[in-house]
Amino acid sequence: MMNPAVAGTREDIDFRMSYRNQWVGFTGAPKTMGASLHAKLYKGKMGVGGYIFQDKIGVFSYTSAALAYSFKIKFDDVSLSLGANGSYNTMGINGGLLVYQNSQDMAMANVIATQKAHAFNAAAGALLYNDRFHIGFSMNNLAGTTYTYDKTMEIVKRGIYKTVPHFCASVGYKWSENKNFIWESNLMAVFVSGTPILVDYYLRLHIKQAFFVGGGIRLGVAVEGQLGYTFPEWGQISYSYDYNTNGLSGTNGGSHEIKLAFYYSKKKLTHGRGLGEFKNQKYQYML
């Protein structure tokens, strides 16, 4: 969902679902549900995938469905994946939850009357990776789509909701001296015009390729804890909890998230240590 270049870079088939209930007890707090599927094609030289997710935030209900394609350039130690997607998006507004001072505002009246607007958008990304590390960069909302409510009426004041591009960079690394204890780390930064830069870091420990436990920090915003279990060769389940460390800490009960993953590969999986697709595994030591 964050980077279309990920399509086809994991197992032969990878399916995931997630549900996030953010800021529990805070009126209008975000709830996010999503599902994604991607797979390899032509001996891993290409990847295809798609996702659908929904955000409910206050009066807004945003739904997005996308199809992604990636092309891979393979080297001995790394692969470079270049990907893009196209998405169809719906922005709904529940007018019954709105409170405003001027009931004669025609722009607001048109939004309430129409309730939904539709738009197309796109994303692009790149991912340099092997079994042990990755470096990625992506651009979402690439088209900077504008949602215009009530297009059919010949009026001057329309309800308009604008989106802007999102830029995401990430780097991750897996390390192990003992296959029973595998460390996985990831750093991600997201930049959106007009908002503070979002920086996430987490560190996760896989124990005997089954249980895993981890923690993370969203810089200046929250801390996170995570527990999960990996089922040999077919799936994974995890739960995470976020606790706010900023001014919202006293207004809510934290955030809960559940993730499910199902995957299939013709090669034998060794979780956390990759699929053995690369020969020398040397470039990750740059990290």
C-alpha atoms as a PDB file:
ATOM      1  CA  MET A   1       0.000   0.000   0.000  1.00  0.00           C
ATOM      2  CA  MET A   2       2.926   2.354   0.671  1.00  0.00           C
ATOM      3  CA  ASN A   3       5.145   1.334  -2.259  1.00  0.00           C
ATOM      4  CA  PRO A   4       3.959  -0.404  -5.469  1.00  0.00           C
ATOM      5  CA  ALA A   5       7.519  -1.653  -6.133  1.00  0.00           C
ATOM      6  CA  VAL A   6       6.990  -4.211  -3.341  1.00  0.00           C
ATOM      7  CA  ALA A   7       4.648  -6.195  -5.640  1.00  0.00           C
ATOM      8  CA  GLY A   8       6.242  -9.573  -6.346  1.00  0.00           C
ATOM      9  CA  THR A   9       9.286  -9.108  -4.091  1.00  0.00           C
ATOM     10  CA  ARG A  10       8.275 -11.543  -1.357  1.00  0.00           C
ATOM     11  CA  GLU A  11       6.931 -15.078  -1.701  1.00  0.00           C
ATOM     12  CA  ASP A  12       5.310 -16.327  -4.899  1.00  0.00           C
ATOM     13  CA  ILE A  13       1.890 -15.314  -3.529  1.00  0.00           C
ATOM     14  CA  ASP A  14       1.399 -12.949  -0.587  1.00  0.00           C
ATOM     15  CA  PHE A  15      -2.014 -11.987   0.886  1.00  0.00           C
ATOM     16  CA  ARG A  16      -2.453  -9.666   3.880  1.00  0.00           C
ATOM     17  CA  MET A  17      -5.293  -8.136   5.894  1.00  0.00           C
ATOM     18  CA  SER A  18      -5.179  -5.517   8.622  1.00  0.00           C
ATOM     19  CA  TYR A  19      -7.501  -3.589  10.916  1.00  0.00           C
ATOM     20  CA  ARG A  20      -6.433  -0.525  12.917  1.00  0.00           C
ATOM     21  CA  ASN A  21      -8.561   1.212  15.559  1.00  0.00           C
ATOM     22  CA  GLN A  22      -6.719   4.434  16.342  1.00  0.00           C
ATOM     23  CA  TRP A  23      -7.071   6.679  19.426  1.00  0.00           C
ATOM     24  CA  VAL A  24      -9.738   4.544  21.129  1.00  0.00           C
ATOM     25  CA  GLY A  25     -12.322   6.702  22.919  1.00  0.00           C
ATOM     26  CA  PHE A  26     -11.569   9.816  20.855  1.00  0.00           C
ATOM     27  CA  THR A  27     -14.683  10.982  18.965  1.00  0.00           C
ATOM     28  CA  GLY A  28     -14.264  10.589  15.207  1.00  0.00           C
ATOM     29  CA  ALA A  29     -10.902   8.806  15.549  1.00  0.00           C
ATOM     30  CA  PRO A  30      -9.560   6.964  12.477  1.00  0.00           C
ATOM     31  CA  LYS A  31     -10.446   3.357  11.740  1.00  0.00           C
ATOM     32  CA  THR A  32      -8.546   1.697   8.887  1.00  0.00           C
ATOM     33  CA  MET A  33      -9.250  -1.643   7.188  1.00  0.00           C
ATOM     34  CA  GLY A  34      -7.268  -3.071   4.283  1.00  0.00           C
ATOM     35  CA  ALA A  35      -6.415  -6.143   2.244  1.00  0.00           C
ATOM     36  CA  SER A  36      -3.670  -6.700  -0.332  1.00  0.00           C
ATOM     37  CA  LEU A  37      -2.542  -9.459  -2.678  1.00  0.00           C
ATOM     38  CA  HIS A  38       0.581  -9.640  -4.820  1.00  0.00           C
ATOM     39  CA  ALA A  39       2.508 -12.308  -6.693  1.00  0.00           C
ATOM     40  CA  LYS A  40       5.568 -12.991  -8.835  1.00  0.00           C
ATOM     41  CA  LEU A  41       5.474 -13.494 -12.600  1.00  0.00           C
ATOM     42  CA  TYR A  42       8.016 -14.761 -15.141  1.00  0.00           C
ATOM     43  CA  LYS A  43      10.415 -16.354 -12.626  1.00  0.00           C
ATOM     44  CA  GLY A  44      10.333 -13.303 -10.411  1.00  0.00           C
ATOM     45  CA  LYS A  45      11.198 -10.810 -13.148  1.00  0.00           C
ATOM     46  CA  MET A  46       7.827  -9.066 -12.751  1.00  0.00           C
ATOM     47  CA  GLY A  47       5.236  -8.620 -10.062  1.00  0.00           C
ATOM     48  CA  VAL A  48       1.524  -7.821 -10.003  1.00  0.00           C
ATOM     49  CA  GLY A  49      -0.769  -6.985  -7.137  1.00  0.00           C
ATOM     50  CA  GLY A  50      -3.661  -5.001  -5.823  1.00  0.00           C
ATOM     51  CA  TYR A  51      -5.188  -3.680  -2.646  1.00  0.00           C
ATOM     52  CA  ILE A  52      -8.363  -2.207  -1.244  1.00  0.00           C
ATOM     53  CA  PHE A  53      -8.580  -0.216   1.951  1.00  0.00           C
ATOM     54  CA  GLN A  54     -10.905   2.134   3.760  1.00  0.00           C
ATOM     55  CA  ASP A  55     -10.235   4.974   6.176  1.00  0.00           C
ATOM     56  CA  LYS A  56     -13.014   6.357   8.356  1.00  0.00           C
ATOM     57  CA  ILE A  57     -11.961   9.636   9.966  1.00  0.00           C
ATOM     58  CA  GLY A  58     -14.612  11.854  11.539  1.00  0.00           C
ATOM     59  CA  VAL A  59     -17.116  12.850   8.856  1.00  0.00           C
ATOM     60  CA  PHE A  60     -14.896  11.419   6.076  1.00  0.00           C
ATOM     61  CA  SER A  61     -14.981   7.913   4.640  1.00  0.00           C
ATOM     62  CA  TYR A  62     -12.205   7.255   2.124  1.00  0.00           C
ATOM     63  CA  THR A  63     -12.054   4.065   0.043  1.00  0.00           C
ATOM     64  CA  SER A  64      -9.275   3.182  -2.397  1.00  0.00           C
ATOM     65  CA  ALA A  65      -8.772   0.229  -4.745  1.00  0.00           C
ATOM     66  CA  ALA A  66      -5.581  -0.132  -6.806  1.00  0.00           C
ATOM     67  CA  LEU A  67      -3.777  -2.428  -9.230  1.00  0.00           C
ATOM     68  CA  ALA A  68       0.035  -2.471  -9.250  1.00  0.00           C
ATOM     69  CA  TYR A  69       2.779  -3.694 -11.578  1.00  0.00           C
ATOM     70  CA  SER A  70       6.523  -3.958 -10.988  1.00  0.00           C
ATOM     71  CA  PHE A  71       9.542  -4.805 -13.118  1.00  0.00           C
ATOM     72  CA  LYS A  72      12.740  -6.179 -11.583  1.00  0.00           C
ATOM     73  CA  ILE A  73      16.389  -5.885 -12.581  1.00  0.00           C
ATOM     74  CA  LYS A  74      18.249  -8.794 -10.975  1.00  0.00           C
ATOM     75  CA  PHE A  75      21.902  -8.821  -9.898  1.00  0.00           C
ATOM     76  CA  ASP A  76      23.853 -11.450  -7.940  1.00  0.00           C
ATOM     77  CA  ASP A  77      23.411  -9.743  -4.589  1.00  0.00           C
ATOM     78  CA  VAL A  78      20.446  -7.408  -5.016  1.00  0.00           C
ATOM     79  CA  SER A  79      17.392  -6.718  -7.148  1.00  0.00           C
ATOM     80  CA  LEU A  80      16.013  -3.342  -8.161  1.00  0.00           C
ATOM     81  CA  SER A  81      12.226  -3.266  -8.393  1.00  0.00           C
ATOM     82  CA  LEU A  82      10.440  -0.393 -10.171  1.00  0.00           C
ATOM     83  CA  GLY A  83       6.688  -0.240  -9.672  1.00  0.00           C
ATOM     84  CA  ALA A  84       3.582   1.821 -10.348  1.00  0.00           C
ATOM     85  CA  ASN A  85      -0.101   1.594  -9.602  1.00  0.00           C
ATOM     86  CA  GLY A  86      -3.370   3.157 -10.646  1.00  0.00           C
ATOM     87  CA  SER A  87      -6.176   3.604  -8.149  1.00  0.00           C
ATOM     88  CA  TYR A  88      -9.883   4.402  -8.068  1.00  0.00           C
ATOM     89  CA  ASN A  89     -10.885   6.380  -4.991  1.00  0.00           C
ATOM     90  CA  THR A  90     -14.084   7.479  -3.310  1.00  0.00           C
ATOM     91  CA  MET A  91     -14.339  10.273  -0.749  1.00  0.00           C
ATOM     92  CA  GLY A  92     -17.596  10.239   1.199  1.00  0.00           C
ATOM     93  CA  ILE A  93     -18.802  12.835   3.692  1.00  0.00           C
ATOM     94  CA  ASN A  94     -21.507  12.234   6.298  1.00  0.00           C
ATOM     95  CA  GLY A  95     -23.287  15.576   6.381  1.00  0.00           C
ATOM     96  CA  GLY A  96     -25.287  14.584   9.447  1.00  0.00           C
ATOM     97  CA  LEU A  97     -22.097  14.804  11.536  1.00  0.00           C
ATOM     98  CA  LEU A  98     -21.150  18.305  10.352  1.00  0.00           C
ATOM     99  CA  VAL A  99     -21.600  21.405  12.482  1.00  0.00           C
ATOM    100  CA  TYR A 100     -21.077  24.784  10.781  1.00  0.00           C
ATOM    101  CA  GLN A 101     -21.939  28.405  11.415  1.00  0.00           C
ATOM    102  CA  ASN A 102     -23.373  29.437   8.054  1.00  0.00           C
ATOM    103  CA  SER A 103     -26.222  27.183   6.944  1.00  0.00           C
ATOM    104  CA  GLN A 104     -26.440  29.142   3.659  1.00  0.00           C
ATOM    105  CA  ASP A 105     -22.896  28.191   2.561  1.00  0.00           C
ATOM    106  CA  MET A 106     -23.529  26.740  -0.924  1.00  0.00           C
ATOM    107  CA  ALA A 107     -20.236  24.846  -1.010  1.00  0.00           C
ATOM    108  CA  MET A 108     -21.209  22.982   2.173  1.00  0.00           C
ATOM    109  CA  ALA A 109     -24.751  22.450   0.920  1.00  0.00           C
ATOM    110  CA  ASN A 110     -23.439  20.849  -2.278  1.00  0.00           C
ATOM    111  CA  VAL A 111     -21.135  18.533  -0.330  1.00  0.00           C
ATOM    112  CA  ILE A 112     -23.975  17.403   1.928  1.00  0.00           C
ATOM    113  CA  ALA A 113     -26.336  16.898  -1.000  1.00  0.00           C
ATOM    114  CA  THR A 114     -23.805  14.910  -3.059  1.00  0.00           C
ATOM    115  CA  GLN A 115     -22.140  13.017  -0.154  1.00  0.00           C
ATOM    116  CA  LYS A 116     -19.627  11.191  -2.419  1.00  0.00           C
ATOM    117  CA  ALA A 117     -16.995  12.178  -4.969  1.00  0.00           C
ATOM    118  CA  HIS A 118     -14.828   9.894  -7.132  1.00  0.00           C
ATOM    119  CA  ALA A 119     -11.356  10.308  -8.590  1.00  0.00           C
ATOM    120  CA  PHE A 120      -8.456   8.373 -10.118  1.00  0.00           C
ATOM    121  CA  ASN A 121      -4.917   8.578  -8.811  1.00  0.00           C
ATOM    122  CA  ALA A 122      -1.517   6.916  -9.195  1.00  0.00           C
ATOM    123  CA  ALA A 123       1.647   5.987  -7.305  1.00  0.00           C
ATOM    124  CA  ALA A 124       5.212   5.046  -8.226  1.00  0.00           C
ATOM    125  CA  GLY A 125       8.134   3.603  -6.327  1.00  0.00           C
ATOM    126  CA  ALA A 126      11.521   1.892  -6.321  1.00  0.00           C
ATOM    127  CA  LEU A 127      12.918  -0.823  -4.057  1.00  0.00           C
ATOM    128  CA  LEU A 128      16.513  -2.067  -3.841  1.00  0.00           C
ATOM    129  CA  TYR A 129      16.495  -5.301  -1.839  1.00  0.00           C
ATOM    130  CA  ASN A 130      17.755  -8.789  -1.128  1.00  0.00           C
ATOM    131  CA  ASP A 131      16.917 -11.402   1.520  1.00  0.00           C
ATOM    132  CA  ARG A 132      18.474  -9.322   4.278  1.00  0.00           C
ATOM    133  CA  PHE A 133      17.852  -5.641   3.584  1.00  0.00           C
ATOM    134  CA  HIS A 134      15.906  -3.092   1.572  1.00  0.00           C
ATOM    135  CA  ILE A 135      16.021   0.570   0.631  1.00  0.00           C
ATOM    136  CA  GLY A 136      12.806   2.013  -0.798  1.00  0.00           C
ATOM    137  CA  PHE A 137      11.291   5.254  -2.022  1.00  0.00           C
ATOM    138  CA  SER A 138       7.746   5.930  -3.212  1.00  0.00           C
ATOM    139  CA  MET A 139       5.347   8.697  -4.208  1.00  0.00           C
ATOM    140  CA  ASN A 140       1.630   8.289  -3.488  1.00  0.00           C
ATOM    141  CA  ASN A 141      -1.242  10.561  -4.552  1.00  0.00           C
ATOM    142  CA  LEU A 142       1.013  11.315  -7.488  1.00  0.00           C
ATOM    143  CA  ALA A 143      -1.729  13.030  -9.493  1.00  0.00           C
ATOM    144  CA  GLY A 144      -2.719  15.385  -6.670  1.00  0.00           C
ATOM    145  CA  THR A 145      -6.365  14.559  -7.311  1.00  0.00           C
ATOM    146  CA  THR A 146      -9.181  16.999  -6.560  1.00  0.00           C
ATOM    147  CA  TYR A 147     -12.544  15.616  -5.428  1.00  0.00           C
ATOM    148  CA  THR A 148     -15.308  17.863  -6.740  1.00  0.00           C
ATOM    149  CA  TYR A 149     -18.800  17.433  -5.334  1.00  0.00           C
ATOM    150  CA  ASP A 150     -21.901  18.058  -7.446  1.00  0.00           C
ATOM    151  CA  LYS A 151     -20.256  18.452 -10.861  1.00  0.00           C
ATOM    152  CA  THR A 152     -23.574  18.524 -12.744  1.00  0.00           C
ATOM    153  CA  MET A 153     -24.898  21.826 -11.386  1.00  0.00           C
ATOM    154  CA  GLU A 154     -23.903  25.067 -13.054  1.00  0.00           C
ATOM    155  CA  ILE A 155     -22.858  26.845  -9.903  1.00  0.00           C
ATOM    156  CA  VAL A 156     -19.862  28.857  -8.810  1.00  0.00           C
ATOM    157  CA  LYS A 157     -19.394  27.528  -5.287  1.00  0.00           C
ATOM    158  CA  ARG A 158     -18.672  23.801  -5.298  1.00  0.00           C
ATOM    159  CA  GLY A 159     -17.565  21.515  -2.530  1.00  0.00           C
ATOM    160  CA  ILE A 160     -13.901  20.694  -3.284  1.00  0.00           C
ATOM    161  CA  TYR A 161     -11.488  18.394  -1.431  1.00  0.00           C
ATOM    162  CA  LYS A 162      -7.880  18.410  -2.609  1.00  0.00           C
ATOM    163  CA  THR A 163      -5.171  15.802  -2.097  1.00  0.00           C
ATOM    164  CA  VAL A 164      -1.417  16.294  -2.327  1.00  0.00           C
ATOM    165  CA  PRO A 165       1.478  13.896  -3.063  1.00  0.00           C
ATOM    166  CA  HIS A 166       2.882  11.775  -0.224  1.00  0.00           C
ATOM    167  CA  PHE A 167       6.588  10.873  -0.273  1.00  0.00           C
ATOM    168  CA  CYS A 168       7.830   7.835   1.642  1.00  0.00           C
ATOM    169  CA  ALA A 169      11.377   6.541   2.216  1.00  0.00           C
ATOM    170  CA  SER A 170      12.279   3.372   4.113  1.00  0.00           C
ATOM    171  CA  VAL A 171      15.288   1.246   4.967  1.00  0.00           C
ATOM    172  CA  GLY A 172      15.315  -2.119   6.720  1.00  0.00           C
ATOM    173  CA  TYR A 173      17.804  -4.790   7.759  1.00  0.00           C
ATOM    174  CA  LYS A 174      17.722  -8.336   9.200  1.00  0.00           C
ATOM    175  CA  TRP A 175      20.640  -9.636  11.249  1.00  0.00           C
ATOM    176  CA  SER A 176      21.386 -12.968  12.895  1.00  0.00           C
ATOM    177  CA  GLU A 177      24.339 -14.914  14.261  1.00  0.00           C
ATOM    178  CA  ASN A 178      22.004 -17.681  15.413  1.00  0.00           C
ATOM    179  CA  LYS A 179      19.032 -18.776  13.296  1.00  0.00           C
ATOM    180  CA  ASN A 180      16.948 -19.109  16.476  1.00  0.00           C
ATOM    181  CA  PHE A 181      17.209 -15.360  17.115  1.00  0.00           C
ATOM    182  CA  ILE A 182      16.723 -13.049  14.127  1.00  0.00           C
ATOM    183  CA  TRP A 183      16.643  -9.273  14.528  1.00  0.00           C
ATOM    184  CA  GLU A 184      14.591  -7.215  12.076  1.00  0.00           C
ATOM    185  CA  SER A 185      14.708  -3.427  12.002  1.00  0.00           C
ATOM    186  CA  ASN A 186      12.989  -0.816   9.856  1.00  0.00           C
ATOM    187  CA  LEU A 187      13.107   2.973   9.563  1.00  0.00           C
ATOM    188  CA  MET A 188      10.481   4.876   7.570  1.00  0.00           C
ATOM    189  CA  ALA A 189       9.885   8.573   6.945  1.00  0.00           C
ATOM    190  CA  VAL A 190       6.800  10.116   5.311  1.00  0.00           C
ATOM    191  CA  PHE A 191       6.623  13.691   4.037  1.00  0.00           C
ATOM    192  CA  VAL A 192       3.347  15.424   3.178  1.00  0.00           C
ATOM    193  CA  SER A 193       3.256  19.125   2.335  1.00  0.00           C
ATOM    194  CA  GLY A 194       1.858  21.203   5.180  1.00  0.00           C
ATOM    195  CA  THR A 195       2.321  18.573   7.910  1.00  0.00           C
ATOM    196  CA  PRO A 196       5.238  17.524  10.147  1.00  0.00           C
ATOM    197  CA  ILE A 197       7.526  14.783   8.785  1.00  0.00           C
ATOM    198  CA  LEU A 198       6.468  11.403  10.175  1.00  0.00           C
ATOM    199  CA  VAL A 199       9.365   9.177  11.297  1.00  0.00           C
ATOM    200  CA  ASP A 200       8.810   5.558  12.407  1.00  0.00           C
ATOM    201  CA  TYR A 201      11.363   3.079  13.715  1.00  0.00           C
ATOM    202  CA  TYR A 202      10.812  -0.456  14.983  1.00  0.00           C
ATOM    203  CA  LEU A 203      12.982  -3.367  16.078  1.00  0.00           C
ATOM    204  CA  ARG A 204      11.574  -6.900  16.112  1.00  0.00           C
ATOM    205  CA  LEU A 205      13.053 -10.154  17.399  1.00  0.00           C
ATOM    206  CA  HIS A 206      12.018 -13.475  15.827  1.00  0.00           C
ATOM    207  CA  ILE A 207      12.472 -16.379  18.251  1.00  0.00           C
ATOM    208  CA  LYS A 208      13.008 -19.841  16.755  1.00  0.00           C
ATOM    209  CA  GLN A 209      11.320 -18.606  13.561  1.00  0.00           C
ATOM    210  CA  ALA A 210       7.972 -18.735  15.357  1.00  0.00           C
ATOM    211  CA  PHE A 211       7.192 -16.149  18.047  1.00  0.00           C
ATOM    212  CA  PHE A 212       8.230 -12.558  17.568  1.00  0.00           C
ATOM    213  CA  VAL A 213       8.173  -9.519  19.812  1.00  0.00           C
ATOM    214  CA  GLY A 214       9.068  -5.949  19.029  1.00  0.00           C
ATOM    215  CA  GLY A 215       8.867  -2.307  19.884  1.00  0.00           C
ATOM    216  CA  GLY A 216       8.959   0.955  18.019  1.00  0.00           C
ATOM    217  CA  ILE A 217       8.712   4.708  18.188  1.00  0.00           C
ATOM    218  CA  ARG A 218       6.882   7.270  16.103  1.00  0.00           C
ATOM    219  CA  LEU A 219       9.116  10.247  16.698  1.00  0.00           C
ATOM    220  CA  GLY A 220       7.412  12.813  18.911  1.00  0.00           C
ATOM    221  CA  VAL A 221       4.053  11.047  18.611  1.00  0.00           C
ATOM    222  CA  ALA A 222       3.843   7.538  20.087  1.00  0.00           C
ATOM    223  CA  VAL A 223       5.579   4.357  21.220  1.00  0.00           C
ATOM    224  CA  GLU A 224       4.538   0.883  20.051  1.00  0.00           C
ATOM    225  CA  GLY A 225       4.693  -2.707  21.256  1.00  0.00           C
ATOM    226  CA  GLN A 226       4.032  -5.791  19.111  1.00  0.00           C
ATOM    227  CA  LEU A 227       3.526  -9.547  19.546  1.00  0.00           C
ATOM    228  CA  GLY A 228       3.046 -12.175  16.871  1.00  0.00           C
ATOM    229  CA  TYR A 229       3.432 -15.721  15.687  1.00  0.00           C
ATOM    230  CA  THR A 230       4.651 -17.157  12.383  1.00  0.00           C
ATOM    231  CA  PHE A 231       3.072 -20.400  11.177  1.00  0.00           C
ATOM    232  CA  PRO A 232       5.639 -22.483   9.259  1.00  0.00           C
ATOM    233  CA  GLU A 233       5.451 -21.955   5.504  1.00  0.00           C
ATOM    234  CA  TRP A 234       1.974 -20.430   5.285  1.00  0.00           C
ATOM    235  CA  GLY A 235       1.145 -17.436   7.470  1.00  0.00           C
ATOM    236  CA  GLN A 236       1.548 -14.957  10.280  1.00  0.00           C
ATOM    237  CA  ILE A 237      -0.608 -13.114  12.829  1.00  0.00           C
ATOM    238  CA  SER A 238       0.362 -10.068  14.886  1.00  0.00           C
ATOM    239  CA  TYR A 239      -1.087  -7.539  17.309  1.00  0.00           C
ATOM    240  CA  SER A 240       0.322  -4.114  18.089  1.00  0.00           C
ATOM    241  CA  TYR A 241      -0.553  -1.351  20.518  1.00  0.00           C
ATOM    242  CA  ASP A 242       0.396   2.329  20.244  1.00  0.00           C
ATOM    243  CA  TYR A 243       0.515   4.714  23.199  1.00  0.00           C
ATOM    244  CA  ASN A 244       0.551   8.430  22.492  1.00  0.00           C
ATOM    245  CA  THR A 245       3.452  10.446  23.935  1.00  0.00           C
ATOM    246  CA  ASN A 246       2.269  13.818  22.618  1.00  0.00           C
ATOM    247  CA  GLY A 247      -0.612  16.086  23.666  1.00  0.00           C
ATOM    248  CA  LEU A 248      -3.188  13.432  22.725  1.00  0.00           C
ATOM    249  CA  SER A 249      -1.989  11.048  25.450  1.00  0.00           C
ATOM    250  CA  GLY A 250      -4.717  12.039  27.903  1.00  0.00           C
ATOM    251  CA  THR A 251      -7.558  12.014  25.399  1.00  0.00           C
ATOM    252  CA  ASN A 252      -7.630   8.388  24.244  1.00  0.00           C
ATOM    253  CA  GLY A 253      -6.876   4.785  25.173  1.00  0.00           C
ATOM    254  CA  GLY A 254      -4.226   4.193  22.527  1.00  0.00           C
ATOM    255  CA  SER A 255      -4.353   2.441  19.161  1.00  0.00           C
ATOM    256  CA  HIS A 256      -4.881  -1.252  18.421  1.00  0.00           C
ATOM    257  CA  GLU A 257      -3.924  -3.046  15.206  1.00  0.00           C
ATOM    258  CA  ILE A 258      -4.310  -6.651  14.060  1.00  0.00           C
ATOM    259  CA  LYS A 259      -2.578  -8.046  10.952  1.00  0.00           C
ATOM    260  CA  LEU A 260      -2.958 -11.388   9.198  1.00  0.00           C
ATOM    261  CA  ALA A 261      -0.672 -12.673   6.438  1.00  0.00           C
ATOM    262  CA  PHE A 262      -0.951 -15.742   4.213  1.00  0.00           C
ATOM    263  CA  TYR A 263       1.755 -16.676   1.730  1.00  0.00           C
ATOM    264  CA  TYR A 264       2.864 -19.460  -0.541  1.00  0.00           C
ATOM    265  CA  SER A 265       6.235 -20.194  -2.122  1.00  0.00           C
ATOM    266  CA  LYS A 266       7.615 -23.051  -4.176  1.00  0.00           C
ATOM    267  CA  LYS A 267      10.889 -22.645  -2.295  1.00  0.00           C
ATOM    268  CA  LYS A 268      11.270 -23.614   1.336  1.00  0.00           C
ATOM    269  CA  LEU A 269      10.715 -20.631   3.586  1.00  0.00           C
ATOM    270  CA  THR A 270      13.148 -19.713   6.335  1.00  0.00           C
ATOM    271  CA  HIS A 271      11.411 -16.791   7.972  1.00  0.00           C
ATOM    272  CA  GLY A 272      13.527 -13.749   8.667  1.00  0.00           C
ATOM    273  CA  ARG A 273      16.446 -15.086   6.594  1.00  0.00           C
ATOM    274  CA  GLY A 274      14.759 -14.848   3.219  1.00  0.00           C
ATOM    275  CA  LEU A 275      14.377 -17.378   0.434  1.00  0.00           C
ATOM    276  CA  GLY A 276      18.024 -17.725  -0.578  1.00  0.00           C
ATOM    277  CA  GLU A 277      17.488 -15.960  -3.895  1.00  0.00           C
ATOM    278  CA  PHE A 278      20.787 -14.084  -3.740  1.00  0.00           C
ATOM    279  CA  LYS A 279      24.289 -15.515  -3.842  1.00  0.00           C
ATOM    280  CA  ASN A 280      26.737 -13.515  -1.760  1.00  0.00           C
ATOM    281  CA  GLN A 281      24.622 -11.336   0.544  1.00  0.00           C
ATOM    282  CA  LYS A 282      27.286  -8.690   0.925  1.00  0.00           C
ATOM    283  CA  TYR A 283      25.769  -5.298   0.114  1.00  0.00           C
ATOM    284  CA  GLN A 284      23.542  -5.264   3.220  1.00  0.00           C
ATOM    285  CA  TYR A 285      26.633  -4.635   5.342  1.00  0.00           C
ATOM    286  CA  MET A 286      26.562  -1.055   4.125  1.00  0.00           C
ATOM    287  CA  LEU A 287      23.807  -0.646   6.703  1.00  0.00           C
END
